[in-house]
All heavy atoms as atom14 arrays in JSON, in Angstrom:
{
  "sequence": "PVVTGSHADSQPTGGKFDGIYGVLGGLEVIRTLNDH",
  "atom14_mask": [
    [1, 1, 1, 1, 1, 1, 1, 0, 0, 0, 0, 0, 0, 0],
    [1, 1, 1, 1, 1, 1, 1, 0, 0, 0, 0, 0, 0, 0],
    [1, 1, 1, 1, 1, 1, 1, 0, 0, 0, 0, 0, 0, 0],
    [1, 1, 1, 1, 1, 1, 1, 0, 0, 0, 0, 0, 0, 0],
    [1, 1, 1, 1, 0, 0, 0, 0, 0, 0, 0, 0, 0, 0],
    [1, 1, 1, 1, 1, 1, 0, 0, 0, 0, 0, 0, 0, 0],
    [1, 1, 1, 1, 1, 1, 1, 1, 1, 1, 0, 0, 0, 0],
    [1, 1, 1, 1, 1, 0, 0, 0, 0, 0, 0, 0, 0, 0],
    [1, 1, 1, 1, 1, 1, 1, 1, 0, 0, 0, 0, 0, 0],
    [1, 1, 1, 1, 1, 1, 0, 0, 0, 0, 0, 0, 0, 0],
    [1, 1, 1, 1, 1, 1, 1, 1, 1, 0, 0, 0, 0, 0],
    [1, 1, 1, 1, 1, 1, 1, 0, 0, 0, 0, 0, 0, 0],
    [1, 1, 1, 1, 1, 1, 1, 0, 0, 0, 0, 0, 0, 0],
    [1, 1, 1, 1, 0, 0, 0, 0, 0, 0, 0, 0, 0, 0],
    [1, 1, 1, 1, 0, 0, 0, 0, 0, 0, 0, 0, 0, 0],
    [1, 1, 1, 1, 1, 1, 1, 1, 1, 0, 0, 0, 0, 0],
    [1, 1, 1, 1, 1, 1, 1, 1, 1, 1, 1, 0, 0, 0],
    [1, 1, 1, 1, 1, 1, 1, 1, 0, 0, 0, 0, 0, 0],
    [1, 1, 1, 1, 0, 0, 0, 0, 0, 0, 0, 0, 0, 0],
    [1, 1, 1, 1, 1, 1, 1, 1, 0, 0, 0, 0, 0, 0],
    [1, 1, 1, 1, 1, 1, 1, 1, 1, 1, 1, 1, 0, 0],
    [1, 1, 1, 1, 0, 0, 0, 0, 0, 0, 0, 0, 0, 0],
    [1, 1, 1, 1, 1, 1, 1, 0, 0, 0, 0, 0, 0, 0],
    [1, 1, 1, 1, 1, 1, 1, 1, 0, 0, 0, 0, 0, 0],
    [1, 1, 1, 1, 0, 0, 0, 0, 0, 0, 0, 0, 0, 0],
    [1, 1, 1, 1, 0, 0, 0, 0, 0, 0, 0, 0, 0, 0],
    [1, 1, 1, 1, 1, 1, 1, 1, 0, 0, 0, 0, 0, 0],
    [1, 1, 1, 1, 1, 1, 1, 1, 1, 0, 0, 0, 0, 0],
    [1, 1, 1, 1, 1, 1, 1, 0, 0, 0, 0, 0, 0, 0],
    [1, 1, 1, 1, 1, 1, 1, 1, 0, 0, 0, 0, 0, 0],
    [1, 1, 1, 1, 1, 1, 1, 1, 1, 1, 1, 0, 0, 0],
    [1, 1, 1, 1, 1, 1, 1, 0, 0, 0, 0, 0, 0, 0],
    [1, 1, 1, 1, 1, 1, 1, 1, 0, 0, 0, 0, 0, 0],
    [1, 1, 1, 1, 1, 1, 1, 1, 0, 0, 0, 0, 0, 0],
    [1, 1, 1, 1, 1, 1, 1, 1, 0, 0, 0, 0, 0, 0],
    [1, 1, 1, 1, 1, 1, 1, 1, 1, 1, 0, 0, 0, 0]
  ],
  "atom14_positions": [
    [[100.06, 101.11, 114.73], [99.99, 101.94, 113.52], [101.34, 102.49, 113.08], [102.3, 102.55, 113.85], [99.08, 103.09, 113.97], [99.37, 103.23, 115.43], [99.58, 101.82, 115.93], [0.0, 0.0, 0.0], [0.0, 0.0, 0.0], [0.0, 0.0, 0.0], [0.0, 0.0, 0.0], [0.0, 0.0, 0.0], [0.0, 0.0, 0.0], [0.0, 0.0, 0.0]],
    [[101.37, 102.9, 111.82], [102.44, 103.76, 111.32], [101.92, 105.19, 111.45], [100.82, 105.51, 110.96], [102.79, 103.43, 109.86], [103.83, 104.42, 109.33], [103.31, 102.01, 109.76], [0.0, 0.0, 0.0], [0.0, 0.0, 0.0], [0.0, 0.0, 0.0], [0.0, 0.0, 0.0], [0.0, 0.0, 0.0], [0.0, 0.0, 0.0], [0.0, 0.0, 0.0]],
    [[102.69, 106.03, 112.1], [102.21, 107.36, 112.5], [103.02, 108.44, 111.8], [104.23, 108.32, 111.6], [102.32, 107.53, 114.04], [102.0, 108.96, 114.47], [101.38, 106.54, 114.74], [0.0, 0.0, 0.0], [0.0, 0.0, 0.0], [0.0, 0.0, 0.0], [0.0, 0.0, 0.0], [0.0, 0.0, 0.0], [0.0, 0.0, 0.0], [0.0, 0.0, 0.0]],
    [[102.33, 109.51, 111.43], [102.99, 110.72, 110.97], [102.26, 111.91, 111.56], [101.22, 111.77, 112.2], [103.04, 110.79, 109.44], [103.91, 111.86, 109.04], [101.65, 111.02, 108.84], [0.0, 0.0, 0.0], [0.0, 0.0, 0.0], [0.0, 0.0, 0.0], [0.0, 0.0, 0.0], [0.0, 0.0, 0.0], [0.0, 0.0, 0.0], [0.0, 0.0, 0.0]],
    [[102.79, 113.09, 111.36], [102.16, 114.3, 111.89], [103.19, 115.25, 112.44], [104.41, 115.02, 112.35], [0.0, 0.0, 0.0], [0.0, 0.0, 0.0], [0.0, 0.0, 0.0], [0.0, 0.0, 0.0], [0.0, 0.0, 0.0], [0.0, 0.0, 0.0], [0.0, 0.0, 0.0], [0.0, 0.0, 0.0], [0.0, 0.0, 0.0], [0.0, 0.0, 0.0]],
    [[102.71, 116.32, 113.02], [103.58, 117.35, 113.58], [102.71, 118.21, 114.49], [101.93, 117.68, 115.27], [104.25, 118.16, 112.45], [105.28, 118.97, 112.94], [0.0, 0.0, 0.0], [0.0, 0.0, 0.0], [0.0, 0.0, 0.0], [0.0, 0.0, 0.0], [0.0, 0.0, 0.0], [0.0, 0.0, 0.0], [0.0, 0.0, 0.0], [0.0, 0.0, 0.0]],
    [[102.8, 119.52, 114.38], [102.05, 120.39, 115.29], [101.27, 121.44, 114.49], [101.61, 121.74, 113.34], [102.97, 121.07, 116.29], [104.03, 121.94, 115.67], [103.9, 123.3, 115.53], [105.25, 121.64, 115.15], [104.99, 123.8, 114.95], [105.82, 122.81, 114.7], [0.0, 0.0, 0.0], [0.0, 0.0, 0.0], [0.0, 0.0, 0.0], [0.0, 0.0, 0.0]],
    [[100.25, 122.01, 115.14], [99.42, 123.02, 114.51], [99.58, 124.39, 115.16], [99.07, 125.38, 114.63], [97.94, 122.61, 114.54], [0.0, 0.0, 0.0], [0.0, 0.0, 0.0], [0.0, 0.0, 0.0], [0.0, 0.0, 0.0], [0.0, 0.0, 0.0], [0.0, 0.0, 0.0], [0.0, 0.0, 0.0], [0.0, 0.0, 0.0], [0.0, 0.0, 0.0]],
    [[100.24, 124.46, 116.32], [100.47, 125.75, 116.96], [101.65, 126.45, 116.3], [102.46, 125.82, 115.61], [100.7, 125.6, 118.46], [101.96, 124.79, 118.81], [102.15, 123.73, 118.2], [102.73, 125.23, 119.68], [0.0, 0.0, 0.0], [0.0, 0.0, 0.0], [0.0, 0.0, 0.0], [0.0, 0.0, 0.0], [0.0, 0.0, 0.0], [0.0, 0.0, 0.0]],
    [[101.74, 127.76, 116.51], [102.77, 128.55, 115.85], [103.44, 129.48, 116.85], [103.04, 129.61, 118.0], [102.15, 129.4, 114.72], [101.51, 130.55, 115.25], [0.0, 0.0, 0.0], [0.0, 0.0, 0.0], [0.0, 0.0, 0.0], [0.0, 0.0, 0.0], [0.0, 0.0, 0.0], [0.0, 0.0, 0.0], [0.0, 0.0, 0.0], [0.0, 0.0, 0.0]],
    [[104.47, 130.14, 116.37], [105.07, 131.25, 117.09], [104.16, 132.49, 116.97], [103.26, 132.53, 116.12], [106.45, 131.56, 116.51], [107.49, 130.5, 116.75], [107.95, 130.47, 118.19], [107.98, 131.48, 118.89], [108.3, 129.28, 118.67], [0.0, 0.0, 0.0], [0.0, 0.0, 0.0], [0.0, 0.0, 0.0], [0.0, 0.0, 0.0], [0.0, 0.0, 0.0]],
    [[104.38, 133.53, 117.8], [103.55, 134.74, 117.67], [103.62, 135.36, 116.28], [102.63, 135.9, 115.78], [104.13, 135.68, 118.73], [104.76, 134.79, 119.73], [105.29, 133.62, 118.95], [0.0, 0.0, 0.0], [0.0, 0.0, 0.0], [0.0, 0.0, 0.0], [0.0, 0.0, 0.0], [0.0, 0.0, 0.0], [0.0, 0.0, 0.0], [0.0, 0.0, 0.0]],
    [[104.8, 135.32, 115.67], [104.95, 135.76, 114.28], [105.49, 134.58, 113.49], [106.63, 134.6, 113.02], [105.9, 136.98, 114.18], [107.13, 136.66, 114.86], [105.28, 138.21, 114.81], [0.0, 0.0, 0.0], [0.0, 0.0, 0.0], [0.0, 0.0, 0.0], [0.0, 0.0, 0.0], [0.0, 0.0, 0.0], [0.0, 0.0, 0.0], [0.0, 0.0, 0.0]],
    [[104.66, 133.57, 113.34], [105.08, 132.32, 112.73], [104.77, 132.25, 111.25], [104.11, 133.13, 110.68], [0.0, 0.0, 0.0], [0.0, 0.0, 0.0], [0.0, 0.0, 0.0], [0.0, 0.0, 0.0], [0.0, 0.0, 0.0], [0.0, 0.0, 0.0], [0.0, 0.0, 0.0], [0.0, 0.0, 0.0], [0.0, 0.0, 0.0], [0.0, 0.0, 0.0]],
    [[105.28, 131.18, 110.63], [105.04, 130.95, 109.21], [103.93, 129.95, 108.98], [103.49, 129.25, 109.9], [0.0, 0.0, 0.0], [0.0, 0.0, 0.0], [0.0, 0.0, 0.0], [0.0, 0.0, 0.0], [0.0, 0.0, 0.0], [0.0, 0.0, 0.0], [0.0, 0.0, 0.0], [0.0, 0.0, 0.0], [0.0, 0.0, 0.0], [0.0, 0.0, 0.0]],
    [[103.48, 129.85, 107.74], [102.33, 129.01, 107.43], [102.69, 127.58, 107.05], [101.81, 126.8, 106.66], [101.49, 129.65, 106.33], [102.22, 129.98, 105.03], [101.26, 130.64, 104.05], [101.97, 131.15, 102.81], [102.68, 132.42, 103.07], [0.0, 0.0, 0.0], [0.0, 0.0, 0.0], [0.0, 0.0, 0.0], [0.0, 0.0, 0.0], [0.0, 0.0, 0.0]],
    [[103.98, 127.2, 107.2], [104.39, 125.83, 106.89], [104.93, 125.08, 108.11], [104.81, 123.85, 108.19], [105.46, 125.83, 105.78], [104.98, 126.4, 104.48], [105.24, 127.72, 104.14], [104.24, 125.63, 103.61], [104.79, 128.26, 102.95], [103.77, 126.16, 102.41], [104.05, 127.48, 102.08], [0.0, 0.0, 0.0], [0.0, 0.0, 0.0], [0.0, 0.0, 0.0]],
    [[105.55, 125.79, 109.03], [106.16, 125.18, 110.21], [105.14, 124.33, 110.96], [104.15, 124.85, 111.46], [106.71, 126.3, 111.11], [107.35, 125.78, 112.39], [107.49, 124.56, 112.56], [107.71, 126.64, 113.23], [0.0, 0.0, 0.0], [0.0, 0.0, 0.0], [0.0, 0.0, 0.0], [0.0, 0.0, 0.0], [0.0, 0.0, 0.0], [0.0, 0.0, 0.0]],
    [[105.39, 123.03, 111.04], [104.51, 122.14, 111.78], [103.32, 121.67, 110.99], [103.16, 120.48, 110.71], [0.0, 0.0, 0.0], [0.0, 0.0, 0.0], [0.0, 0.0, 0.0], [0.0, 0.0, 0.0], [0.0, 0.0, 0.0], [0.0, 0.0, 0.0], [0.0, 0.0, 0.0], [0.0, 0.0, 0.0], [0.0, 0.0, 0.0], [0.0, 0.0, 0.0]],
    [[102.48, 122.6, 110.58], [101.22, 122.23, 109.93], [101.47, 121.5, 108.6], [100.63, 120.67, 108.18], [100.32, 123.47, 109.74], [98.87, 123.06, 109.47], [100.88, 124.38, 108.67], [98.21, 122.32, 110.61], [0.0, 0.0, 0.0], [0.0, 0.0, 0.0], [0.0, 0.0, 0.0], [0.0, 0.0, 0.0], [0.0, 0.0, 0.0], [0.0, 0.0, 0.0]],
    [[102.61, 121.75, 107.95], [102.94, 121.01, 106.74], [103.02, 119.52, 107.02], [102.53, 118.7, 106.24], [104.25, 121.54, 106.16], [104.86, 120.72, 105.04], [104.09, 120.24, 103.98], [106.23, 120.44, 105.04], [104.67, 119.51, 102.95], [106.81, 119.71, 104.01], [106.02, 119.24, 102.98], [106.6, 118.5, 101.96], [0.0, 0.0, 0.0], [0.0, 0.0, 0.0]],
    [[103.6, 119.15, 108.15], [103.69, 117.74, 108.5], [102.34, 117.12, 108.81], [102.1, 115.94, 108.53], [0.0, 0.0, 0.0], [0.0, 0.0, 0.0], [0.0, 0.0, 0.0], [0.0, 0.0, 0.0], [0.0, 0.0, 0.0], [0.0, 0.0, 0.0], [0.0, 0.0, 0.0], [0.0, 0.0, 0.0], [0.0, 0.0, 0.0], [0.0, 0.0, 0.0]],
    [[101.44, 117.91, 109.39], [100.09, 117.41, 109.69], [99.3, 117.22, 108.4], [98.72, 116.15, 108.15], [99.35, 118.4, 110.63], [97.9, 117.97, 110.82], [100.07, 118.49, 111.97], [0.0, 0.0, 0.0], [0.0, 0.0, 0.0], [0.0, 0.0, 0.0], [0.0, 0.0, 0.0], [0.0, 0.0, 0.0], [0.0, 0.0, 0.0], [0.0, 0.0, 0.0]],
    [[99.27, 118.25, 107.57], [98.47, 118.18, 106.35], [99.13, 117.31, 105.29], [98.44, 116.73, 104.44], [98.2, 119.59, 105.82], [97.38, 120.47, 106.77], [97.09, 121.83, 106.14], [96.07, 119.79, 107.18], [0.0, 0.0, 0.0], [0.0, 0.0, 0.0], [0.0, 0.0, 0.0], [0.0, 0.0, 0.0], [0.0, 0.0, 0.0], [0.0, 0.0, 0.0]],
    [[100.46, 117.18, 105.34], [101.12, 116.21, 104.47], [100.69, 114.79, 104.82], [100.47, 113.95, 103.93], [0.0, 0.0, 0.0], [0.0, 0.0, 0.0], [0.0, 0.0, 0.0], [0.0, 0.0, 0.0], [0.0, 0.0, 0.0], [0.0, 0.0, 0.0], [0.0, 0.0, 0.0], [0.0, 0.0, 0.0], [0.0, 0.0, 0.0], [0.0, 0.0, 0.0]],
    [[100.54, 114.51, 106.11], [100.04, 113.2, 106.53], [98.6, 112.97, 106.1], [98.24, 111.88, 105.65], [0.0, 0.0, 0.0], [0.0, 0.0, 0.0], [0.0, 0.0, 0.0], [0.0, 0.0, 0.0], [0.0, 0.0, 0.0], [0.0, 0.0, 0.0], [0.0, 0.0, 0.0], [0.0, 0.0, 0.0], [0.0, 0.0, 0.0], [0.0, 0.0, 0.0]],
    [[97.78, 114.01, 106.22], [96.39, 113.9, 105.75], [96.35, 113.64, 104.25], [95.53, 112.84, 103.77], [95.63, 115.17, 106.1], [94.18, 115.23, 105.63], [93.33, 114.13, 106.27], [93.57, 116.61, 105.93], [0.0, 0.0, 0.0], [0.0, 0.0, 0.0], [0.0, 0.0, 0.0], [0.0, 0.0, 0.0], [0.0, 0.0, 0.0], [0.0, 0.0, 0.0]],
    [[97.25, 114.28, 103.51], [97.29, 114.06, 102.06], [97.68, 112.62, 101.73], [97.19, 112.05, 100.73], [98.24, 115.05, 101.4], [98.39, 114.89, 99.88], [97.05, 114.97, 99.14], [96.16, 115.73, 99.57], [96.92, 114.25, 98.12], [0.0, 0.0, 0.0], [0.0, 0.0, 0.0], [0.0, 0.0, 0.0], [0.0, 0.0, 0.0], [0.0, 0.0, 0.0]],
    [[98.54, 112.01, 102.53], [98.85, 110.59, 102.34], [97.58, 109.77, 102.43], [97.3, 108.89, 101.58], [99.88, 110.12, 103.39], [99.96, 108.59, 103.42], [101.26, 110.7, 103.08], [0.0, 0.0, 0.0], [0.0, 0.0, 0.0], [0.0, 0.0, 0.0], [0.0, 0.0, 0.0], [0.0, 0.0, 0.0], [0.0, 0.0, 0.0], [0.0, 0.0, 0.0]],
    [[96.76, 110.02, 103.45], [95.51, 109.27, 103.62], [94.56, 109.54, 102.45], [93.93, 108.61, 101.9], [94.86, 109.64, 104.97], [95.67, 109.01, 106.11], [93.39, 109.2, 105.02], [95.18, 109.36, 107.49], [0.0, 0.0, 0.0], [0.0, 0.0, 0.0], [0.0, 0.0, 0.0], [0.0, 0.0, 0.0], [0.0, 0.0, 0.0], [0.0, 0.0, 0.0]],
    [[94.43, 110.79, 102.05], [93.56, 111.11, 100.92], [94.0, 110.38, 99.65], [93.18, 109.89, 98.87], [93.55, 112.62, 100.68], [92.78, 113.43, 101.74], [93.07, 114.91, 101.59], [92.12, 115.75, 102.31], [92.24, 117.07, 102.47], [93.31, 117.69, 101.95], [91.33, 117.76, 103.13], [0.0, 0.0, 0.0], [0.0, 0.0, 0.0], [0.0, 0.0, 0.0]],
    [[95.32, 110.33, 99.45], [95.85, 109.66, 98.25], [95.57, 108.16, 98.29], [95.17, 107.56, 97.27], [97.35, 109.92, 98.13], [97.58, 111.33, 98.0], [97.94, 109.2, 96.93], [0.0, 0.0, 0.0], [0.0, 0.0, 0.0], [0.0, 0.0, 0.0], [0.0, 0.0, 0.0], [0.0, 0.0, 0.0], [0.0, 0.0, 0.0], [0.0, 0.0, 0.0]],
    [[95.76, 107.54, 99.45], [95.44, 106.12, 99.58], [93.95, 105.87, 99.3], [93.58, 104.88, 98.67], [95.82, 105.62, 100.97], [97.31, 105.65, 101.31], [97.54, 105.18, 102.74], [98.12, 104.81, 100.34], [0.0, 0.0, 0.0], [0.0, 0.0, 0.0], [0.0, 0.0, 0.0], [0.0, 0.0, 0.0], [0.0, 0.0, 0.0], [0.0, 0.0, 0.0]],
    [[93.12, 106.79, 99.77], [91.69, 106.67, 99.49], [91.4, 106.79, 98.01], [90.6, 106.02, 97.44], [90.9, 107.75, 100.25], [90.87, 107.53, 101.75], [91.22, 106.45, 102.24], [90.47, 108.55, 102.49], [0.0, 0.0, 0.0], [0.0, 0.0, 0.0], [0.0, 0.0, 0.0], [0.0, 0.0, 0.0], [0.0, 0.0, 0.0], [0.0, 0.0, 0.0]],
    [[92.04, 107.77, 97.36], [91.82, 107.98, 95.93], [92.08, 106.71, 95.13], [91.36, 106.4, 94.16], [92.75, 109.08, 95.4], [92.39, 110.47, 95.9], [91.27, 110.64, 96.42], [93.25, 111.37, 95.79], [0.0, 0.0, 0.0], [0.0, 0.0, 0.0], [0.0, 0.0, 0.0], [0.0, 0.0, 0.0], [0.0, 0.0, 0.0], [0.0, 0.0, 0.0]],
    [[93.11, 105.96, 95.53], [93.54, 104.78, 94.79], [93.07, 103.48, 95.43], [93.47, 102.39, 95.0], [95.06, 104.79, 94.64], [95.57, 105.93, 93.82], [95.75, 105.85, 92.46], [95.91, 107.21, 94.16], [96.19, 107.02, 92.0], [96.3, 107.85, 93.01], [0.0, 0.0, 0.0], [0.0, 0.0, 0.0], [0.0, 0.0, 0.0], [0.0, 0.0, 0.0]]
  ]
}
Protein backbone atom coordinates (compact mmCIF):
# COMPACT_ATOMS: atom_id res chain seq x y z
CA PRO A 1 0.00 0.00 0.00
CA VAL A 2 0.69 3.70 -0.12
CA VAL A 3 0.41 4.79 3.51
CA THR A 4 -0.28 8.06 5.27
CA GLY A 5 -1.20 9.00 8.81
CA SER A 6 0.28 10.27 12.04
CA HIS A 7 -0.76 10.05 15.70
CA ALA A 8 -3.87 10.71 17.79
CA ASP A 9 -2.27 11.10 21.23
CA SER A 10 -1.36 14.54 22.54
CA GLN A 11 0.71 16.35 25.11
CA PRO A 12 -0.95 17.13 28.49
CA THR A 13 -1.58 20.66 27.20
CA GLY A 14 -1.60 19.86 23.51
CA GLY A 15 -3.09 21.43 20.42
CA LYS A 16 -5.92 20.20 18.24
CA PHE A 17 -3.84 19.83 15.04
CA ASP A 18 -0.59 18.13 16.13
CA GLY A 19 -0.68 14.58 14.78
CA ILE A 20 -4.41 14.22 14.29
CA TYR A 21 -4.27 16.54 11.25
CA GLY A 22 -2.17 13.93 9.48
CA VAL A 23 -4.61 11.17 10.41
CA LEU A 24 -7.76 13.01 9.39
CA GLY A 25 -6.05 14.49 6.34
CA GLY A 26 -5.42 10.92 5.21
CA LEU A 27 -9.04 10.00 5.87
CA GLU A 28 -10.10 13.01 3.79
CA VAL A 29 -7.99 11.68 0.90
CA ILE A 30 -9.99 8.44 1.04
CA ARG A 31 -13.31 10.28 1.30
CA THR A 32 -12.38 12.40 -1.72
CA LEU A 33 -11.43 9.35 -3.79
CA ASN A 34 -14.78 7.84 -2.84
CA ASP A 35 -16.65 11.02 -3.80
CA HIS A 36 -15.14 10.86 -7.30
